[in-house]
């Protein structure tokens, strides 16, 4: 599944969505199936590795995890300052 097959929905548009309603509206407007929604969300977040504690989650469960992670905004934070602090403390 690549995002290249759906050129009308850009990652820039996706990143502009700040709540679930706006994300759902964009996905529905472009007829994006749930599997592709997960791919789009992960790509917008920089392709993080996602772990599931329930073994083999359903597509809907994986979508809920992806949308929750996206909306939390944790992926937007810049953690580069932590490595600078660690390097300073190592000296």
Protein backbone atom coordinates (compact mmCIF):
# COMPACT_ATOMS: atom_id res chain seq x y z
CA UNK A 1 0.00 0.00 0.00
CA UNK A 2 1.55 3.23 -1.08
CA UNK A 3 0.30 6.75 -0.80
CA UNK A 4 1.24 7.30 -4.45
CA UNK A 5 -1.97 5.62 -5.57
CA UNK A 6 -4.10 8.37 -4.03
CA UNK A 7 -2.57 11.67 -5.14
CA UNK A 8 -5.57 13.82 -4.19
CA UNK A 9 -5.02 13.40 -0.45
CA UNK A 10 -1.68 14.91 0.43
CA UNK A 11 0.23 14.47 3.65
CA UNK A 12 0.16 18.24 4.01
CA UNK A 13 -3.66 18.12 4.07
CA UNK A 14 -3.56 15.27 6.56
CA UNK A 15 -1.13 17.10 8.84
CA UNK A 16 -3.45 20.12 8.86
CA UNK A 17 -6.18 18.01 10.48
CA UNK A 18 -6.24 18.59 14.22
CA UNK A 19 -9.17 16.44 15.32
CA UNK A 20 -10.85 13.15 14.51
CA UNK A 21 -13.76 14.77 12.68
CA UNK A 22 -11.48 16.58 10.23
CA UNK A 23 -9.42 13.43 9.62
CA UNK A 24 -12.54 11.34 9.02
CA UNK A 25 -13.94 14.01 6.70
CA UNK A 26 -10.79 13.97 4.54
CA UNK A 27 -10.61 10.19 4.44
CA UNK A 28 -14.28 9.89 3.49
CA UNK A 29 -14.03 12.70 0.94
CA UNK A 30 -11.32 10.75 -0.87
CA UNK A 31 -12.88 7.31 -0.30
CA UNK A 32 -9.85 6.01 1.62
CA UNK A 33 -10.36 2.49 3.06
CA UNK A 34 -9.35 1.79 6.66
CA UNK A 35 -6.10 -0.04 5.78
CA UNK A 36 -4.95 2.93 3.71
CA UNK A 37 -5.96 5.33 6.48
CA UNK A 38 -3.54 3.54 8.79
CA UNK A 39 -0.79 3.84 6.18
CA UNK A 40 -1.47 7.54 5.65
CA UNK A 41 -1.46 8.27 9.38
CA UNK A 42 1.77 6.36 9.94
CA UNK A 43 3.46 8.09 7.00
CA UNK A 44 2.35 11.50 8.32
CA UNK A 45 3.93 10.61 11.68
CA UNK A 46 7.23 9.54 10.13
CA UNK A 47 6.46 5.80 9.96
CA UNK A 48 6.73 4.89 13.64
CA UNK A 49 6.84 1.26 14.75
CA UNK A 50 3.57 0.48 16.50
CA UNK A 51 3.24 -2.35 19.01
CA UNK A 52 0.02 -4.06 20.00
CA UNK A 53 -0.34 -5.92 23.26
CA UNK A 54 -3.44 -7.82 22.18
CA UNK A 55 -1.63 -10.18 19.81
CA UNK A 56 -3.35 -9.85 16.44
CA UNK A 57 -5.55 -6.74 16.49
CA UNK A 58 -8.30 -6.20 13.96
CA UNK A 59 -7.95 -3.53 11.28
CA UNK A 60 -10.36 -1.35 13.25
CA UNK A 61 -8.23 -1.72 16.40
CA UNK A 62 -5.06 -0.83 14.48
CA UNK A 63 -6.86 2.21 13.05
CA UNK A 64 -7.89 3.34 16.54
CA UNK A 65 -4.29 3.04 17.75
CA UNK A 66 -2.98 4.93 14.70
CA UNK A 67 -5.54 7.72 14.96
CA UNK A 68 -4.98 8.00 18.72
CA UNK A 69 -1.22 8.27 18.24
CA UNK A 70 -1.66 10.82 15.47
CA UNK A 71 -4.06 13.00 17.43
CA UNK A 72 -1.93 12.84 20.59
CA UNK A 73 0.74 14.81 18.75
CA UNK A 74 3.61 13.01 20.49
CA UNK A 75 5.22 12.41 17.10
CA UNK A 76 5.49 16.19 16.54
CA UNK A 77 7.68 16.79 19.56
CA UNK A 78 11.35 17.45 19.10
CA UNK A 79 13.38 15.18 21.33
CA UNK A 80 16.75 16.35 20.02
CA UNK A 81 17.25 18.47 23.14
CA UNK A 82 17.31 15.29 25.25
CA UNK A 83 20.36 13.97 23.44
CA UNK A 84 22.10 17.32 23.94
CA UNK A 85 21.42 17.09 27.70
CA UNK A 86 22.67 13.48 27.79
CA UNK A 87 25.86 14.47 25.96
CA UNK A 88 26.45 17.36 28.34
CA UNK A 89 25.98 15.09 31.39
CA UNK A 90 28.36 12.50 29.95
CA UNK A 91 31.22 15.03 29.94
